[in-house]
Amino acid sequence: MKGRVGIGSSTEERLRARLAQERGYYRYPAGARTRFALVYPNTYFVGMSNLGLHIVYALLNERSDTA
């Protein structure tokens, strides 16, 4: 995340700390897989408690062509 414009250092530190708490997080080599992003139209904590979001996330992570 270094060098990104518009993200304050305190915000970046909080995001890094939150990511460090995630279970199952893995960073794939650049270009190895198609990247995707899941979004949930509510707060982070509500989205993380949604079982459907976890199912979709697990299904996409099981594929060999997505990251």
PDB file of N, CA and C in Angstrom:
ATOM      1  N   MET A   1       0.802  -1.196   0.000  1.00  0.00           N
ATOM      2  CA  MET A   1       0.000   0.000   0.000  1.00  0.00           C
ATOM      3  C   MET A   1       0.843   1.256   0.000  1.00  0.00           C
ATOM      4  N   LYS A   2       2.125   1.121   0.018  1.00  0.00           N
ATOM      5  CA  LYS A   2       2.986   2.295   0.040  1.00  0.00           C
ATOM      6  C   LYS A   2       2.782   3.121  -1.209  1.00  0.00           C
ATOM      7  N   GLY A   3       2.807   4.433  -1.029  1.00  0.00           N
ATOM      8  CA  GLY A   3       2.749   5.332  -2.162  1.00  0.00           C
ATOM      9  C   GLY A   3       1.352   5.635  -2.668  1.00  0.00           C
ATOM     10  N   ARG A   4       0.321   5.133  -2.026  1.00  0.00           N
ATOM     11  CA  ARG A   4      -1.029   5.424  -2.478  1.00  0.00           C
ATOM     12  C   ARG A   4      -1.417   6.836  -2.063  1.00  0.00           C
ATOM     13  N   VAL A   5      -2.049   7.527  -2.970  1.00  0.00           N
ATOM     14  CA  VAL A   5      -2.461   8.898  -2.708  1.00  0.00           C
ATOM     15  C   VAL A   5      -3.867   8.880  -2.107  1.00  0.00           C
ATOM     16  N   GLY A   6      -4.093   9.726  -1.094  1.00  0.00           N
ATOM     17  CA  GLY A   6      -5.426   9.873  -0.547  1.00  0.00           C
ATOM     18  C   GLY A   6      -5.686   9.061   0.716  1.00  0.00           C
ATOM     19  N   ILE A   7      -4.809   8.155   1.079  1.00  0.00           N
ATOM     20  CA  ILE A   7      -4.985   7.374   2.301  1.00  0.00           C
ATOM     21  C   ILE A   7      -4.034   7.921   3.340  1.00  0.00           C
ATOM     22  N   GLY A   8      -4.582   8.417   4.449  1.00  0.00           N
ATOM     23  CA  GLY A   8      -3.750   8.937   5.521  1.00  0.00           C
ATOM     24  C   GLY A   8      -3.006   7.819   6.219  1.00  0.00           C
ATOM     25  N   SER A   9      -1.893   8.140   6.842  1.00  0.00           N
ATOM     26  CA  SER A   9      -1.079   7.111   7.489  1.00  0.00           C
ATOM     27  C   SER A   9      -1.827   6.431   8.625  1.00  0.00           C
ATOM     28  N   SER A  10      -2.633   7.174   9.379  1.00  0.00           N
ATOM     29  CA  SER A  10      -3.375   6.540  10.477  1.00  0.00           C
ATOM     30  C   SER A  10      -4.445   5.603   9.935  1.00  0.00           C
ATOM     31  N   THR A  11      -5.100   5.979   8.844  1.00  0.00           N
ATOM     32  CA  THR A  11      -6.090   5.104   8.218  1.00  0.00           C
ATOM     33  C   THR A  11      -5.428   3.847   7.690  1.00  0.00           C
ATOM     34  N   GLU A  12      -4.289   4.009   7.049  1.00  0.00           N
ATOM     35  CA  GLU A  12      -3.568   2.859   6.509  1.00  0.00           C
ATOM     36  C   GLU A  12      -3.134   1.923   7.630  1.00  0.00           C
ATOM     37  N   GLU A  13      -2.675   2.473   8.737  1.00  0.00           N
ATOM     38  CA  GLU A  13      -2.268   1.637   9.871  1.00  0.00           C
ATOM     39  C   GLU A  13      -3.451   0.865  10.442  1.00  0.00           C
ATOM     40  N   ARG A  14      -4.617   1.517  10.538  1.00  0.00           N
ATOM     41  CA  ARG A  14      -5.811   0.829  11.040  1.00  0.00           C
ATOM     42  C   ARG A  14      -6.234  -0.286  10.093  1.00  0.00           C
ATOM     43  N   LEU A  15      -6.155  -0.027   8.777  1.00  0.00           N
ATOM     44  CA  LEU A  15      -6.508  -1.060   7.799  1.00  0.00           C
ATOM     45  C   LEU A  15      -5.545  -2.245   7.866  1.00  0.00           C
ATOM     46  N   ARG A  16      -4.268  -1.975   8.009  1.00  0.00           N
ATOM     47  CA  ARG A  16      -3.279  -3.048   8.143  1.00  0.00           C
ATOM     48  C   ARG A  16      -3.528  -3.869   9.411  1.00  0.00           C
ATOM     49  N   ALA A  17      -3.875  -3.199  10.509  1.00  0.00           N
ATOM     50  CA  ALA A  17      -4.152  -3.892  11.768  1.00  0.00           C
ATOM     51  C   ALA A  17      -5.390  -4.771  11.631  1.00  0.00           C
ATOM     52  N   ARG A  18      -6.415  -4.270  10.966  1.00  0.00           N
ATOM     53  CA  ARG A  18      -7.638  -5.056  10.760  1.00  0.00           C
ATOM     54  C   ARG A  18      -7.345  -6.271   9.876  1.00  0.00           C
ATOM     55  N   LEU A  19      -6.563  -6.083   8.828  1.00  0.00           N
ATOM     56  CA  LEU A  19      -6.206  -7.185   7.946  1.00  0.00           C
ATOM     57  C   LEU A  19      -5.386  -8.239   8.679  1.00  0.00           C
ATOM     58  N   ALA A  20      -4.516  -7.812   9.577  1.00  0.00           N
ATOM     59  CA  ALA A  20      -3.692  -8.748  10.349  1.00  0.00           C
ATOM     60  C   ALA A  20      -4.544  -9.636  11.248  1.00  0.00           C
ATOM     61  N   GLN A  21      -5.734  -9.176  11.615  1.00  0.00           N
ATOM     62  CA  GLN A  21      -6.626  -9.955  12.471  1.00  0.00           C
ATOM     63  C   GLN A  21      -7.464 -10.958  11.690  1.00  0.00           C
ATOM     64  N   GLU A  22      -7.516 -10.834  10.364  1.00  0.00           N
ATOM     65  CA  GLU A  22      -8.309 -11.737   9.534  1.00  0.00           C
ATOM     66  C   GLU A  22      -7.739 -13.146   9.555  1.00  0.00           C
ATOM     67  N   ARG A  23      -8.608 -14.134   9.587  1.00  0.00           N
ATOM     68  CA  ARG A  23      -8.182 -15.526   9.482  1.00  0.00           C
ATOM     69  C   ARG A  23      -8.336 -15.965   8.025  1.00  0.00           C
ATOM     70  N   GLY A  24      -7.416 -16.756   7.535  1.00  0.00           N
ATOM     71  CA  GLY A  24      -7.506 -17.261   6.175  1.00  0.00           C
ATOM     72  C   GLY A  24      -6.996 -16.303   5.116  1.00  0.00           C
ATOM     73  N   TYR A  25      -6.413 -15.204   5.533  1.00  0.00           N
ATOM     74  CA  TYR A  25      -5.888 -14.221   4.586  1.00  0.00           C
ATOM     75  C   TYR A  25      -4.635 -14.768   3.921  1.00  0.00           C
ATOM     76  N   TYR A  26      -4.562 -14.638   2.602  1.00  0.00           N
ATOM     77  CA  TYR A  26      -3.372 -15.056   1.872  1.00  0.00           C
ATOM     78  C   TYR A  26      -3.157 -14.082   0.731  1.00  0.00           C
ATOM     79  N   ARG A  27      -1.931 -13.682   0.517  1.00  0.00           N
ATOM     80  CA  ARG A  27      -1.599 -12.775  -0.579  1.00  0.00           C
ATOM     81  C   ARG A  27      -0.952 -13.588  -1.695  1.00  0.00           C
ATOM     82  N   TYR A  28      -1.632 -13.668  -2.846  1.00  0.00           N
ATOM     83  CA  TYR A  28      -1.126 -14.423  -3.984  1.00  0.00           C
ATOM     84  C   TYR A  28      -0.128 -13.588  -4.779  1.00  0.00           C
ATOM     85  N   PRO A  29       0.799 -14.231  -5.475  1.00  0.00           N
ATOM     86  CA  PRO A  29       1.748 -13.480  -6.317  1.00  0.00           C
ATOM     87  C   PRO A  29       1.000 -12.674  -7.386  1.00  0.00           C
ATOM     88  N   ALA A  30       1.518 -11.509  -7.705  1.00  0.00           N
ATOM     89  CA  ALA A  30       0.880 -10.639  -8.691  1.00  0.00           C
ATOM     90  C   ALA A  30       0.727 -11.350 -10.032  1.00  0.00           C
ATOM     91  N   GLY A  31      -0.482 -11.266 -10.600  1.00  0.00           N
ATOM     92  CA  GLY A  31      -0.755 -11.849 -11.901  1.00  0.00           C
ATOM     93  C   GLY A  31      -1.040 -13.333 -11.891  1.00  0.00           C
ATOM     94  N   ALA A  32      -0.964 -13.981 -10.747  1.00  0.00           N
ATOM     95  CA  ALA A  32      -1.174 -15.427 -10.673  1.00  0.00           C
ATOM     96  C   ALA A  32      -2.642 -15.804 -10.804  1.00  0.00           C
ATOM     97  N   ARG A  33      -3.510 -14.941 -10.357  1.00  0.00           N
ATOM     98  CA  ARG A  33      -4.945 -15.223 -10.367  1.00  0.00           C
ATOM     99  C   ARG A  33      -5.724 -13.962 -10.720  1.00  0.00           C
ATOM    100  N   THR A  34      -6.986 -14.148 -11.139  1.00  0.00           N
ATOM    101  CA  THR A  34      -7.869 -13.025 -11.386  1.00  0.00           C
ATOM    102  C   THR A  34      -8.317 -12.463 -10.045  1.00  0.00           C
ATOM    103  N   ARG A  35      -8.183 -11.173  -9.867  1.00  0.00           N
ATOM    104  CA  ARG A  35      -8.533 -10.550  -8.593  1.00  0.00           C
ATOM    105  C   ARG A  35     -10.024 -10.245  -8.553  1.00  0.00           C
ATOM    106  N   PHE A  36     -10.618 -10.323  -7.365  1.00  0.00           N
ATOM    107  CA  PHE A  36     -12.007  -9.946  -7.178  1.00  0.00           C
ATOM    108  C   PHE A  36     -12.152  -9.256  -5.834  1.00  0.00           C
ATOM    109  N   ALA A  37     -13.231  -8.537  -5.684  1.00  0.00           N
ATOM    110  CA  ALA A  37     -13.510  -7.866  -4.415  1.00  0.00           C
ATOM    111  C   ALA A  37     -14.970  -8.117  -4.058  1.00  0.00           C
ATOM    112  N   LEU A  38     -15.210  -8.507  -2.826  1.00  0.00           N
ATOM    113  CA  LEU A  38     -16.574  -8.654  -2.336  1.00  0.00           C
ATOM    114  C   LEU A  38     -16.924  -7.406  -1.546  1.00  0.00           C
ATOM    115  N   VAL A  39     -18.099  -6.880  -1.792  1.00  0.00           N
ATOM    116  CA  VAL A  39     -18.542  -5.702  -1.043  1.00  0.00           C
ATOM    117  C   VAL A  39     -19.886  -6.009  -0.401  1.00  0.00           C
ATOM    118  N   TYR A  40     -20.117  -5.395   0.726  1.00  0.00           N
ATOM    119  CA  TYR A  40     -21.368  -5.575   1.454  1.00  0.00           C
ATOM    120  C   TYR A  40     -21.869  -4.187   1.836  1.00  0.00           C
ATOM    121  N   PRO A  41     -23.133  -3.866   1.517  1.00  0.00           N
ATOM    122  CA  PRO A  41     -23.620  -2.495   1.718  1.00  0.00           C
ATOM    123  C   PRO A  41     -23.990  -2.182   3.166  1.00  0.00           C
ATOM    124  N   ASN A  42     -23.060  -2.411   4.063  1.00  0.00           N
ATOM    125  CA  ASN A  42     -23.283  -2.110   5.468  1.00  0.00           C
ATOM    126  C   ASN A  42     -21.923  -2.014   6.143  1.00  0.00           C
ATOM    127  N   THR A  43     -21.885  -2.003   7.452  1.00  0.00           N
ATOM    128  CA  THR A  43     -20.616  -1.899   8.161  1.00  0.00           C
ATOM    129  C   THR A  43     -19.813  -3.182   8.014  1.00  0.00           C
ATOM    130  N   TYR A  44     -18.530  -3.095   8.262  1.00  0.00           N
ATOM    131  CA  TYR A  44     -17.634  -4.252   8.182  1.00  0.00           C
ATOM    132  C   TYR A  44     -18.122  -5.384   9.076  1.00  0.00           C
ATOM    133  N   PHE A  45     -18.506  -5.062  10.305  1.00  0.00           N
ATOM    134  CA  PHE A  45     -18.879  -6.090  11.270  1.00  0.00           C
ATOM    135  C   PHE A  45     -20.182  -6.797  10.883  1.00  0.00           C
ATOM    136  N   VAL A  46     -21.121  -6.077  10.291  1.00  0.00           N
ATOM    137  CA  VAL A  46     -22.353  -6.699   9.817  1.00  0.00           C
ATOM    138  C   VAL A  46     -22.049  -7.621   8.645  1.00  0.00           C
ATOM    139  N   GLY A  47     -21.202  -7.164   7.723  1.00  0.00           N
ATOM    140  CA  GLY A  47     -20.830  -7.991   6.574  1.00  0.00           C
ATOM    141  C   GLY A  47     -20.107  -9.258   6.976  1.00  0.00           C
ATOM    142  N   MET A  48     -19.216  -9.158   7.950  1.00  0.00           N
ATOM    143  CA  MET A  48     -18.451 -10.326   8.384  1.00  0.00           C
ATOM    144  C   MET A  48     -19.318 -11.333   9.144  1.00  0.00           C
ATOM    145  N   SER A  49     -20.461 -10.903   9.662  1.00  0.00           N
ATOM    146  CA  SER A  49     -21.340 -11.835  10.358  1.00  0.00           C
ATOM    147  C   SER A  49     -22.363 -12.451   9.404  1.00  0.00           C
ATOM    148  N   ASN A  50     -22.351 -12.054   8.137  1.00  0.00           N
ATOM    149  CA  ASN A  50     -23.291 -12.568   7.154  1.00  0.00           C
ATOM    150  C   ASN A  50     -22.771 -13.891   6.584  1.00  0.00           C
ATOM    151  N   LEU A  51     -23.504 -14.975   6.816  1.00  0.00           N
ATOM    152  CA  LEU A  51     -23.086 -16.305   6.376  1.00  0.00           C
ATOM    153  C   LEU A  51     -22.987 -16.405   4.855  1.00  0.00           C
ATOM    154  N   GLY A  52     -23.898 -15.753   4.148  1.00  0.00           N
ATOM    155  CA  GLY A  52     -23.881 -15.796   2.684  1.00  0.00           C
ATOM    156  C   GLY A  52     -22.588 -15.224   2.118  1.00  0.00           C
ATOM    157  N   LEU A  53     -22.100 -14.149   2.715  1.00  0.00           N
ATOM    158  CA  LEU A  53     -20.844 -13.545   2.277  1.00  0.00           C
ATOM    159  C   LEU A  53     -19.685 -14.517   2.470  1.00  0.00           C
ATOM    160  N   HIS A  54     -19.692 -15.229   3.589  1.00  0.00           N
ATOM    161  CA  HIS A  54     -18.636 -16.208   3.860  1.00  0.00           C
ATOM    162  C   HIS A  54     -18.686 -17.371   2.871  1.00  0.00           C
ATOM    163  N   ILE A  55     -19.884 -17.798   2.495  1.00  0.00           N
ATOM    164  CA  ILE A  55     -20.026 -18.900   1.541  1.00  0.00           C
ATOM    165  C   ILE A  55     -19.480 -18.487   0.176  1.00  0.00           C
ATOM    166  N   VAL A  56     -19.866 -17.310  -0.292  1.00  0.00           N
ATOM    167  CA  VAL A  56     -19.372 -16.821  -1.589  1.00  0.00           C
ATOM    168  C   VAL A  56     -17.861 -16.660  -1.551  1.00  0.00           C
ATOM    169  N   TYR A  57     -17.339 -16.117  -0.469  1.00  0.00           N
ATOM    170  CA  TYR A  57     -15.890 -15.938  -0.312  1.00  0.00           C
ATOM    171  C   TYR A  57     -15.175 -17.288  -0.372  1.00  0.00           C
ATOM    172  N   ALA A  58     -15.696 -18.289   0.323  1.00  0.00           N
ATOM    173  CA  ALA A  58     -15.080 -19.624   0.323  1.00  0.00           C
ATOM    174  C   ALA A  58     -15.130 -20.255  -1.059  1.00  0.00           C
ATOM    175  N   LEU A  59     -16.258 -20.123  -1.746  1.00  0.00           N
ATOM    176  CA  LEU A  59     -16.374 -20.691  -3.097  1.00  0.00           C
ATOM    177  C   LEU A  59     -15.375 -20.053  -4.059  1.00  0.00           C
ATOM    178  N   LEU A  60     -15.233 -18.746  -3.989  1.00  0.00           N
ATOM    179  CA  LEU A  60     -14.282 -18.074  -4.875  1.00  0.00           C
ATOM    180  C   LEU A  60     -12.843 -18.429  -4.513  1.00  0.00           C
ATOM    181  N   ASN A  61     -12.555 -18.585  -3.230  1.00  0.00           N
ATOM    182  CA  ASN A  61     -11.198 -18.945  -2.818  1.00  0.00           C
ATOM    183  C   ASN A  61     -10.834 -20.376  -3.182  1.00  0.00           C
ATOM    184  N   GLU A  62     -11.822 -21.250  -3.328  1.00  0.00           N
ATOM    185  CA  GLU A  62     -11.538 -22.632  -3.711  1.00  0.00           C
ATOM    186  C   GLU A  62     -11.131 -22.747  -5.178  1.00  0.00           C
ATOM    187  N   ARG A  63     -11.502 -21.759  -5.976  1.00  0.00           N
ATOM    188  CA  ARG A  63     -11.163 -21.800  -7.400  1.00  0.00           C
ATOM    189  C   ARG A  63      -9.675 -21.526  -7.583  1.00  0.00           C
ATOM    190  N   SER A  64      -9.100 -22.137  -8.586  1.00  0.00           N
ATOM    191  CA  SER A  64      -7.671 -21.952  -8.840  1.00  0.00           C
ATOM    192  C   SER A  64      -7.383 -20.714  -9.690  1.00  0.00           C
ATOM    193  N   ASP A  65      -8.440 -20.072 -10.209  1.00  0.00           N
ATOM    194  CA  ASP A  65      -8.220 -18.922 -11.103  1.00  0.00           C
ATOM    195  C   ASP A  65      -8.603 -17.577 -10.484  1.00  0.00           C
ATOM    196  N   THR A  66      -8.959 -17.557  -9.204  1.00  0.00           N
ATOM    197  CA  THR A  66      -9.314 -16.293  -8.564  1.00  0.00           C
ATOM    198  C   THR A  66      -8.486 -16.065  -7.305  1.00  0.00           C
ATOM    199  N   ALA A  67      -8.343 -14.807  -6.968  1.00  0.00           N
ATOM    200  CA  ALA A  67      -7.592 -14.452  -5.752  1.00  0.00           C
ATOM    201  C   ALA A  67      -8.368 -13.438  -4.963  1.00  0.00           C
TER     202      ALA A  67
END
